[in-house]
Protein backbone atom coordinates (compact mmCIF):
# COMPACT_ATOMS: atom_id res chain seq x y z
CA MET A 1 1.14 -16.75 6.87
CA ILE A 2 -0.82 -13.19 7.08
CA THR A 3 -1.06 -12.87 3.16
CA ALA A 4 -2.64 -16.39 2.98
CA TYR A 5 -5.29 -15.30 5.75
CA ILE A 6 -5.78 -12.44 3.86
CA THR A 7 -6.34 -14.26 0.70
CA GLU A 8 -8.39 -16.88 2.28
CA PHE A 9 -10.56 -13.97 3.81
CA VAL A 10 -11.03 -11.98 0.50
CA GLU A 11 -12.04 -15.44 -1.18
CA LYS A 12 -14.42 -16.34 1.66
CA TYR A 13 -16.38 -12.86 2.09
CA PHE A 14 -15.82 -11.40 -1.47
CA PRO A 15 -15.78 -14.01 -4.05
CA ASP A 16 -16.98 -11.47 -6.93
CA SER A 17 -14.00 -9.57 -6.39
CA PRO A 18 -10.71 -11.25 -7.44
CA VAL A 19 -8.41 -7.94 -7.50
CA LEU A 20 -9.17 -7.14 -4.06
CA ASN A 21 -6.88 -9.70 -2.85
CA TYR A 22 -4.15 -8.18 -4.53
CA VAL A 23 -5.00 -4.79 -3.50
CA LEU A 24 -5.33 -5.97 0.34
CA VAL A 25 -1.78 -8.01 0.35
CA GLY A 26 -0.09 -5.04 -1.57
CA GLU A 27 -1.14 -2.60 0.96
CA PHE A 28 -0.19 -4.89 3.82
CA ILE A 29 3.21 -5.31 2.53
CA ILE A 30 3.55 -1.59 1.51
CA GLY A 31 1.97 -0.43 4.70
CA ARG A 32 3.76 -2.63 7.03
CA TYR A 33 7.26 -3.28 5.42
CA PHE A 34 8.04 -1.03 2.57
CA ASN A 35 7.20 2.52 4.28
CA PRO A 36 8.50 1.84 7.52
CA ALA A 37 12.00 0.93 5.97
CA ILE A 38 12.07 3.77 3.52
CA LEU A 39 11.13 5.84 6.54
CA ASP A 40 13.85 4.60 8.59
CA PRO A 41 16.66 2.55 6.73
CA GLU A 42 19.01 2.65 9.44
CA GLN A 43 16.70 0.72 11.68
CA PHE A 44 15.99 -2.28 9.06
CA GLY A 45 19.49 -2.64 8.19
CA LEU A 46 19.31 -1.02 4.74
CA ALA A 47 22.02 1.69 5.73
CA GLN A 48 24.81 1.84 7.69
CA THR A 49 24.64 5.24 9.21
CA LYS A 50 21.72 7.45 10.13
CA VAL A 51 20.25 9.45 6.92
CA PRO A 52 22.67 12.22 6.79
CA SER A 53 20.70 15.22 5.73
CA SER A 54 17.10 16.82 6.10
CA ILE A 55 17.04 16.71 2.29
CA ALA A 56 17.68 13.15 2.32
CA GLN A 57 15.14 12.47 5.09
CA ARG A 58 12.41 14.45 3.26
CA ASN A 59 12.89 12.80 0.17
CA LEU A 60 12.58 9.40 1.45
CA ALA A 61 9.21 10.75 3.38
CA LEU A 62 7.71 11.92 0.03
CA ILE A 63 8.66 8.62 -1.40
CA SER A 64 6.95 6.99 1.46
CA LYS A 65 3.97 9.28 0.48
CA ILE A 66 3.66 8.65 -2.87
CA LEU A 67 3.58 4.74 -2.17
CA GLN A 68 0.63 5.33 -0.21
CA VAL A 69 -1.25 7.58 -2.82
CA VAL A 70 -0.41 4.85 -5.28
CA LYS A 71 -1.82 2.12 -2.68
CA SER A 72 -5.04 3.96 -1.86
CA LEU A 73 -5.38 4.81 -5.87
CA PHE A 74 -5.54 0.81 -6.36
CA ILE A 75 -8.32 0.60 -3.42
CA PHE A 76 -10.27 3.31 -4.81
CA LEU A 77 -10.11 2.12 -8.60
CA GLU A 78 -11.49 -1.20 -7.19
CA ARG A 79 -13.96 0.28 -5.22
CA ALA A 80 -15.49 2.50 -8.09
CA ASN A 81 -15.29 -0.59 -10.55
CA SER A 82 -17.30 -2.72 -8.32
CA GLY A 83 -20.40 -0.90 -8.57
CA GLU A 84 -20.32 2.03 -6.35
CA ASN A 85 -21.72 4.39 -8.26
CA PHE A 86 -20.90 7.68 -6.60
CA LEU A 87 -17.26 6.61 -6.77
CA LYS A 88 -17.47 6.13 -10.81
CA LEU A 89 -17.61 9.66 -11.19
CA PHE A 90 -14.12 10.49 -9.85
CA SER A 91 -12.41 7.19 -11.62
CA GLU A 92 -12.82 8.52 -15.32
């Protein structure tokens, strides 16, 4: 339902940017579901016990950060390709 609202909003206010819909829906799903589940798998029923070691916790945090960087990169590239000239310098 929320993703449908995001899609409707993007189509209404940004009709010339079809990729933005996918970027925002992806950001919502990664930011609200994947990253919290990666950081605390026990809370979301993905692990039966607490993450056993600080090394494992650090690895999960790094995976979460990587997803956030990838998510931000897509948003950055979308903005750079949308005509914001000052960003095109960085996207090449």
